[in-house]
């Protein structure tokens, strides 16, 4: 049996609804976001889980908690899974950032791997710290199913790193809606993407909700 890692983005927040940058802002899930977490737990609690890892931010932990409660598993919180720091752009919409930091914003849009938001982190910084957690998971759990609950940018960067996609293009190559799931099997030949962006575990009304 191979190791299979289930990468789940947290549920809906007010920031994911508005499109504002909320990297290290410790925002809460909306009521619908909590329902998304419950729906995931209901759909996947019958699977045999080896471990659940989460970002330390509240929106991620609240998404992981229902499954942990259903299974009696202790959540493994890792700082390497937190969202990218957006620095001075935190809480601002892209339109506001473009107005206030136009030149830096244009550079970031062109290459978010090697350019950073003002006072924030680069994509390559996230790739380094998140890879430590992925390496730990592979060492601690050579086989079985492991859930990782994290954030839009961090998860896209993790998947780029695993699949050999240039991290500079993580924003251009991968979408990752709230509460969506992507599954990677770690095979002898390397990481194999089994599914991407799945939201079938959500009830229809939640599946249809917009959110970046």
C-alpha atoms as a PDB file:
ATOM      1  CA  UNK A   1       0.000   0.000   0.000  1.00  0.00           C
ATOM      2  CA  UNK A   2       1.374   3.397  -1.001  1.00  0.00           C
ATOM      3  CA  UNK A   3       1.167   6.689   0.838  1.00  0.00           C
ATOM      4  CA  UNK A   4      -1.736   8.807  -0.404  1.00  0.00           C
ATOM      5  CA  UNK A   5      -1.894  12.462   0.631  1.00  0.00           C
ATOM      6  CA  UNK A   6      -5.229  14.263   0.544  1.00  0.00           C
ATOM      7  CA  UNK A   7      -4.706  18.023   0.214  1.00  0.00           C
ATOM      8  CA  UNK A   8      -7.770  19.992   1.361  1.00  0.00           C
ATOM      9  CA  UNK A   9      -8.184  23.745   1.197  1.00  0.00           C
ATOM     10  CA  UNK A  10     -10.017  25.263   4.162  1.00  0.00           C
ATOM     11  CA  UNK A  11     -13.677  26.195   3.937  1.00  0.00           C
ATOM     12  CA  UNK A  12     -15.199  29.518   3.033  1.00  0.00           C
ATOM     13  CA  UNK A  13     -14.168  32.770   4.769  1.00  0.00           C
ATOM     14  CA  UNK A  14     -15.262  36.353   4.190  1.00  0.00           C
ATOM     15  CA  UNK A  15     -11.917  36.929   2.452  1.00  0.00           C
ATOM     16  CA  UNK A  16     -12.438  34.030   0.065  1.00  0.00           C
ATOM     17  CA  UNK A  17     -15.821  35.523  -0.790  1.00  0.00           C
ATOM     18  CA  UNK A  18     -14.475  39.018  -1.425  1.00  0.00           C
ATOM     19  CA  UNK A  19     -11.167  38.051  -3.034  1.00  0.00           C
ATOM     20  CA  UNK A  20      -9.174  40.116  -0.531  1.00  0.00           C
ATOM     21  CA  UNK A  21      -5.677  38.942   0.362  1.00  0.00           C
ATOM     22  CA  UNK A  22      -5.742  37.117   3.699  1.00  0.00           C
ATOM     23  CA  UNK A  23      -2.417  35.382   4.081  1.00  0.00           C
ATOM     24  CA  UNK A  24      -1.567  35.488   7.753  1.00  0.00           C
ATOM     25  CA  UNK A  25      -4.769  37.271   8.759  1.00  0.00           C
ATOM     26  CA  UNK A  26      -6.299  34.723  11.121  1.00  0.00           C
ATOM     27  CA  UNK A  27      -9.824  34.921   9.761  1.00  0.00           C
ATOM     28  CA  UNK A  28     -12.626  32.581  10.811  1.00  0.00           C
ATOM     29  CA  UNK A  29     -14.753  30.323   8.649  1.00  0.00           C
ATOM     30  CA  UNK A  30     -18.187  31.590   7.708  1.00  0.00           C
ATOM     31  CA  UNK A  31     -21.167  29.453   8.820  1.00  0.00           C
ATOM     32  CA  UNK A  32     -21.111  27.952   5.334  1.00  0.00           C
ATOM     33  CA  UNK A  33     -17.392  27.301   5.747  1.00  0.00           C
ATOM     34  CA  UNK A  34     -18.113  25.258   8.880  1.00  0.00           C
ATOM     35  CA  UNK A  35     -20.753  23.314   6.938  1.00  0.00           C
ATOM     36  CA  UNK A  36     -18.136  22.572   4.284  1.00  0.00           C
ATOM     37  CA  UNK A  37     -15.861  21.129   6.962  1.00  0.00           C
ATOM     38  CA  UNK A  38     -18.697  18.984   8.304  1.00  0.00           C
ATOM     39  CA  UNK A  39     -19.556  17.768   4.803  1.00  0.00           C
ATOM     40  CA  UNK A  40     -15.968  16.698   4.216  1.00  0.00           C
ATOM     41  CA  UNK A  41     -15.866  14.799   7.507  1.00  0.00           C
ATOM     42  CA  UNK A  42     -19.152  13.057   6.724  1.00  0.00           C
ATOM     43  CA  UNK A  43     -17.953  12.001   3.289  1.00  0.00           C
ATOM     44  CA  UNK A  44     -14.486  10.807   4.341  1.00  0.00           C
ATOM     45  CA  UNK A  45     -14.748   9.555   7.921  1.00  0.00           C
ATOM     46  CA  UNK A  46     -15.125   5.953   6.732  1.00  0.00           C
ATOM     47  CA  UNK A  47     -11.691   6.043   5.086  1.00  0.00           C
ATOM     48  CA  UNK A  48      -8.812   4.646   7.123  1.00  0.00           C
ATOM     49  CA  UNK A  49      -6.672   7.649   8.107  1.00  0.00           C
ATOM     50  CA  UNK A  50      -3.099   7.508   9.370  1.00  0.00           C
ATOM     51  CA  UNK A  51      -2.862  11.188  10.346  1.00  0.00           C
ATOM     52  CA  UNK A  52      -4.298  14.673   9.902  1.00  0.00           C
ATOM     53  CA  UNK A  53      -1.947  17.636   9.445  1.00  0.00           C
ATOM     54  CA  UNK A  54      -3.048  21.275   9.489  1.00  0.00           C
ATOM     55  CA  UNK A  55      -1.848  24.823   9.166  1.00  0.00           C
ATOM     56  CA  UNK A  56      -1.879  26.689  12.511  1.00  0.00           C
ATOM     57  CA  UNK A  57      -4.352  29.295  11.236  1.00  0.00           C
ATOM     58  CA  UNK A  58      -7.880  29.030  12.596  1.00  0.00           C
ATOM     59  CA  UNK A  59      -9.640  28.594   9.260  1.00  0.00           C
ATOM     60  CA  UNK A  60      -7.553  25.506   8.499  1.00  0.00           C
ATOM     61  CA  UNK A  61      -7.820  23.960  11.964  1.00  0.00           C
ATOM     62  CA  UNK A  62     -11.589  24.509  11.983  1.00  0.00           C
ATOM     63  CA  UNK A  63     -11.793  22.675   8.644  1.00  0.00           C
ATOM     64  CA  UNK A  64      -9.766  19.722   9.917  1.00  0.00           C
ATOM     65  CA  UNK A  65     -11.472  19.492  13.317  1.00  0.00           C
ATOM     66  CA  UNK A  66     -14.723  17.685  12.355  1.00  0.00           C
ATOM     67  CA  UNK A  67     -12.804  14.781  10.814  1.00  0.00           C
ATOM     68  CA  UNK A  68     -10.453  14.617  13.806  1.00  0.00           C
ATOM     69  CA  UNK A  69     -13.470  14.558  16.136  1.00  0.00           C
ATOM     70  CA  UNK A  70     -15.158  11.812  14.135  1.00  0.00           C
ATOM     71  CA  UNK A  71     -12.018   9.663  14.155  1.00  0.00           C
ATOM     72  CA  UNK A  72     -10.598  10.516  17.573  1.00  0.00           C
ATOM     73  CA  UNK A  73      -7.366  11.602  15.897  1.00  0.00           C
ATOM     74  CA  UNK A  74      -5.085  14.306  17.267  1.00  0.00           C
ATOM     75  CA  UNK A  75      -4.462  17.064  14.739  1.00  0.00           C
ATOM     76  CA  UNK A  76      -0.799  17.582  13.824  1.00  0.00           C
ATOM     77  CA  UNK A  77      -0.295  21.354  13.460  1.00  0.00           C
ATOM     78  CA  UNK A  78       2.705  22.450  11.391  1.00  0.00           C
ATOM     79  CA  UNK A  79       3.829  26.033  10.793  1.00  0.00           C
ATOM     80  CA  UNK A  80       5.187  25.041   7.395  1.00  0.00           C
ATOM     81  CA  UNK A  81       1.579  24.662   6.189  1.00  0.00           C
ATOM     82  CA  UNK A  82       0.478  28.217   7.038  1.00  0.00           C
ATOM     83  CA  UNK A  83      -0.561  30.535   4.252  1.00  0.00           C
ATOM     84  CA  UNK A  84       1.859  32.769   2.399  1.00  0.00           C
ATOM     85  CA  UNK A  85       2.439  36.107   4.128  1.00  0.00           C
ATOM     86  CA  UNK A  86       1.054  38.943   2.029  1.00  0.00           C
ATOM     87  CA  UNK A  87       2.819  41.620   4.073  1.00  0.00           C
ATOM     88  CA  UNK A  88       1.399  45.102   3.497  1.00  0.00           C
ATOM     89  CA  UNK A  89      -1.180  43.664   1.112  1.00  0.00           C
ATOM     90  CA  UNK A  90      -3.017  41.765   3.859  1.00  0.00           C
ATOM     91  CA  UNK A  91      -6.735  42.541   3.942  1.00  0.00           C
ATOM     92  CA  UNK A  92      -6.632  44.526   0.700  1.00  0.00           C
ATOM     93  CA  UNK A  93      -8.321  43.640  -2.574  1.00  0.00           C
ATOM     94  CA  UNK A  94      -6.235  43.196  -5.728  1.00  0.00           C
ATOM     95  CA  UNK A  95      -7.621  46.510  -6.984  1.00  0.00           C
ATOM     96  CA  UNK A  96      -6.412  48.310  -3.854  1.00  0.00           C
ATOM     97  CA  UNK A  97      -3.000  46.668  -4.070  1.00  0.00           C
ATOM     98  CA  UNK A  98      -2.687  47.647  -7.725  1.00  0.00           C
ATOM     99  CA  UNK A  99      -3.441  51.262  -6.835  1.00  0.00           C
ATOM    100  CA  UNK A 100      -1.119  51.457  -3.823  1.00  0.00           C
ATOM    101  CA  UNK A 101       1.779  49.225  -4.967  1.00  0.00           C
ATOM    102  CA  UNK A 102       1.378  49.164  -8.735  1.00  0.00           C
ATOM    103  CA  UNK A 103       4.954  48.421  -9.846  1.00  0.00           C
ATOM    104  CA  UNK A 104       5.524  45.762  -7.169  1.00  0.00           C
ATOM    105  CA  UNK A 105       2.144  44.220  -7.923  1.00  0.00           C
ATOM    106  CA  UNK A 106       2.939  43.968 -11.643  1.00  0.00           C
ATOM    107  CA  UNK A 107       6.272  42.265 -10.864  1.00  0.00           C
ATOM    108  CA  UNK A 108       4.520  39.842  -8.513  1.00  0.00           C
ATOM    109  CA  UNK A 109       1.873  38.979 -11.079  1.00  0.00           C
ATOM    110  CA  UNK A 110       4.610  38.240 -13.608  1.00  0.00           C
ATOM    111  CA  UNK A 111       6.521  35.926 -11.253  1.00  0.00           C
ATOM    112  CA  UNK A 112       5.085  35.222  -7.805  1.00  0.00           C
ATOM    113  CA  UNK A 113       7.726  32.577  -7.231  1.00  0.00           C
ATOM    114  CA  UNK A 114      10.639  35.005  -6.990  1.00  0.00           C
ATOM    115  CA  UNK A 115       8.875  38.302  -6.235  1.00  0.00           C
ATOM    116  CA  UNK A 116       7.195  39.026  -2.931  1.00  0.00           C
ATOM    117  CA  UNK A 117       4.315  41.215  -1.817  1.00  0.00           C
ATOM    118  CA  UNK A 118       5.655  44.259   0.039  1.00  0.00           C
ATOM    119  CA  UNK A 119       6.877  42.821   3.341  1.00  0.00           C
ATOM    120  CA  UNK A 120       5.610  39.351   2.453  1.00  0.00           C
ATOM    121  CA  UNK A 121       6.934  35.980   1.245  1.00  0.00           C
ATOM    122  CA  UNK A 122       7.951  34.612  -2.127  1.00  0.00           C
ATOM    123  CA  UNK A 123       6.570  31.403  -3.555  1.00  0.00           C
ATOM    124  CA  UNK A 124       9.989  29.767  -3.249  1.00  0.00           C
ATOM    125  CA  UNK A 125       9.951  30.537   0.490  1.00  0.00           C
ATOM    126  CA  UNK A 126       6.702  28.621   0.840  1.00  0.00           C
ATOM    127  CA  UNK A 127       8.066  25.759  -1.236  1.00  0.00           C
ATOM    128  CA  UNK A 128      10.992  25.385   1.183  1.00  0.00           C
ATOM    129  CA  UNK A 129       9.008  25.393   4.418  1.00  0.00           C
ATOM    130  CA  UNK A 130       6.141  23.259   3.140  1.00  0.00           C
ATOM    131  CA  UNK A 131       8.541  20.660   1.717  1.00  0.00           C
ATOM    132  CA  UNK A 132       9.809  20.022   5.245  1.00  0.00           C
ATOM    133  CA  UNK A 133       6.287  18.961   6.253  1.00  0.00           C
ATOM    134  CA  UNK A 134       5.792  16.797   3.162  1.00  0.00           C
ATOM    135  CA  UNK A 135       9.140  15.103   3.847  1.00  0.00           C
ATOM    136  CA  UNK A 136       8.066  14.471   7.446  1.00  0.00           C
ATOM    137  CA  UNK A 137       4.810  12.914   6.268  1.00  0.00           C
ATOM    138  CA  UNK A 138       6.624  10.624   3.846  1.00  0.00           C
ATOM    139  CA  UNK A 139       9.047   9.503   6.568  1.00  0.00           C
ATOM    140  CA  UNK A 140       6.431   9.036   9.289  1.00  0.00           C
ATOM    141  CA  UNK A 141       3.786   7.432   7.065  1.00  0.00           C
ATOM    142  CA  UNK A 142       5.312   5.326   4.282  1.00  0.00           C
ATOM    143  CA  UNK A 143       1.844   3.936   3.579  1.00  0.00           C
ATOM    144  CA  UNK A 144      -1.767   4.861   4.270  1.00  0.00           C
ATOM    145  CA  UNK A 145      -3.938   7.951   3.919  1.00  0.00           C
ATOM    146  CA  UNK A 146      -2.892  11.331   5.295  1.00  0.00           C
ATOM    147  CA  UNK A 147      -4.965  14.526   5.237  1.00  0.00           C
ATOM    148  CA  UNK A 148      -3.274  17.916   4.874  1.00  0.00           C
ATOM    149  CA  UNK A 149      -5.459  20.991   5.444  1.00  0.00           C
ATOM    150  CA  UNK A 150      -3.948  24.249   4.297  1.00  0.00           C
ATOM    151  CA  UNK A 151      -4.484  27.301   2.097  1.00  0.00           C
ATOM    152  CA  UNK A 152      -4.854  28.298  -1.538  1.00  0.00           C
ATOM    153  CA  UNK A 153      -1.359  29.594  -2.276  1.00  0.00           C
ATOM    154  CA  UNK A 154       0.441  27.111  -0.051  1.00  0.00           C
ATOM    155  CA  UNK A 155      -1.360  24.114  -1.511  1.00  0.00           C
ATOM    156  CA  UNK A 156      -0.797  25.235  -5.086  1.00  0.00           C
ATOM    157  CA  UNK A 157       2.904  25.668  -4.351  1.00  0.00           C
ATOM    158  CA  UNK A 158       3.088  22.236  -2.687  1.00  0.00           C
ATOM    159  CA  UNK A 159       1.472  20.628  -5.706  1.00  0.00           C
ATOM    160  CA  UNK A 160       3.800  22.455  -8.112  1.00  0.00           C
ATOM    161  CA  UNK A 161       6.779  21.200  -6.118  1.00  0.00           C
ATOM    162  CA  UNK A 162       5.516  17.616  -6.115  1.00  0.00           C
ATOM    163  CA  UNK A 163       4.598  17.542  -9.797  1.00  0.00           C
ATOM    164  CA  UNK A 164       7.596  19.399 -11.185  1.00  0.00           C
ATOM    165  CA  UNK A 165       5.715  22.561 -12.184  1.00  0.00           C
ATOM    166  CA  UNK A 166       7.712  25.796 -12.013  1.00  0.00           C
ATOM    167  CA  UNK A 167       6.702  27.473  -8.739  1.00  0.00           C
ATOM    168  CA  UNK A 168       6.844  30.831 -10.528  1.00  0.00           C
ATOM    169  CA  UNK A 169       3.603  29.831 -12.255  1.00  0.00           C
ATOM    170  CA  UNK A 170       1.626  28.507  -9.289  1.00  0.00           C
ATOM    171  CA  UNK A 171      -0.982  31.252  -9.671  1.00  0.00           C
ATOM    172  CA  UNK A 172      -1.311  30.740 -13.438  1.00  0.00           C
ATOM    173  CA  UNK A 173      -1.471  26.947 -13.669  1.00  0.00           C
ATOM    174  CA  UNK A 174      -3.656  25.791 -10.759  1.00  0.00           C
ATOM    175  CA  UNK A 175      -7.015  26.903  -9.399  1.00  0.00           C
ATOM    176  CA  UNK A 176      -8.035  25.721  -5.923  1.00  0.00           C
ATOM    177  CA  UNK A 177     -11.566  26.666  -4.788  1.00  0.00           C
ATOM    178  CA  UNK A 178     -12.473  26.698  -1.115  1.00  0.00           C
ATOM    179  CA  UNK A 179     -13.040  23.265   0.451  1.00  0.00           C
ATOM    180  CA  UNK A 180     -11.756  21.484  -2.656  1.00  0.00           C
ATOM    181  CA  UNK A 181      -9.651  18.352  -2.459  1.00  0.00           C
ATOM    182  CA  UNK A 182      -6.696  17.116  -4.504  1.00  0.00           C
ATOM    183  CA  UNK A 183      -5.177  13.674  -4.030  1.00  0.00           C
ATOM    184  CA  UNK A 184      -1.561  12.653  -4.660  1.00  0.00           C
ATOM    185  CA  UNK A 185      -0.284   9.090  -4.416  1.00  0.00           C
ATOM    186  CA  UNK A 186       3.409   8.729  -3.621  1.00  0.00           C
ATOM    187  CA  UNK A 187       4.507   5.863  -5.874  1.00  0.00           C
ATOM    188  CA  UNK A 188       7.890   4.268  -6.525  1.00  0.00           C
ATOM    189  CA  UNK A 189       8.076   6.422  -9.659  1.00  0.00           C
ATOM    190  CA  UNK A 190       7.250   9.612  -7.750  1.00  0.00           C
ATOM    191  CA  UNK A 191       4.125  11.657  -6.968  1.00  0.00           C
ATOM    192  CA  UNK A 192       1.039  10.776  -9.030  1.00  0.00           C
ATOM    193  CA  UNK A 193      -1.915  13.189  -9.132  1.00  0.00           C
ATOM    194  CA  UNK A 194      -5.044  11.086  -8.685  1.00  0.00           C
ATOM    195  CA  UNK A 195      -7.634  13.884  -8.537  1.00  0.00           C
ATOM    196  CA  UNK A 196      -7.665  17.675  -8.486  1.00  0.00           C
ATOM    197  CA  UNK A 197     -10.076  20.311  -7.196  1.00  0.00           C
ATOM    198  CA  UNK A 198     -12.786  17.828  -6.187  1.00  0.00           C
ATOM    199  CA  UNK A 199     -15.789  19.312  -4.357  1.00  0.00           C
ATOM    200  CA  UNK A 200     -18.167  16.358  -4.716  1.00  0.00           C
ATOM    201  CA  UNK A 201     -18.173  15.913  -0.927  1.00  0.00           C
ATOM    202  CA  UNK A 202     -20.060  19.210  -0.535  1.00  0.00           C
ATOM    203  CA  UNK A 203     -23.841  19.420  -0.561  1.00  0.00           C
ATOM    204  CA  UNK A 204     -25.060  20.994  -3.845  1.00  0.00           C
ATOM    205  CA  UNK A 205     -25.900  24.389  -2.343  1.00  0.00           C
ATOM    206  CA  UNK A 206     -22.358  24.742  -1.005  1.00  0.00           C
ATOM    207  CA  UNK A 207     -20.745  23.387  -4.151  1.00  0.00           C
ATOM    208  CA  UNK A 208     -22.353  26.172  -6.132  1.00  0.00           C
ATOM    209  CA  UNK A 209     -21.197  28.994  -3.865  1.00  0.00           C
ATOM    210  CA  UNK A 210     -18.706  31.328  -5.525  1.00  0.00           C
ATOM    211  CA  UNK A 211     -15.361  31.873  -3.832  1.00  0.00           C
ATOM    212  CA  UNK A 212     -11.782  32.353  -4.886  1.00  0.00           C
END
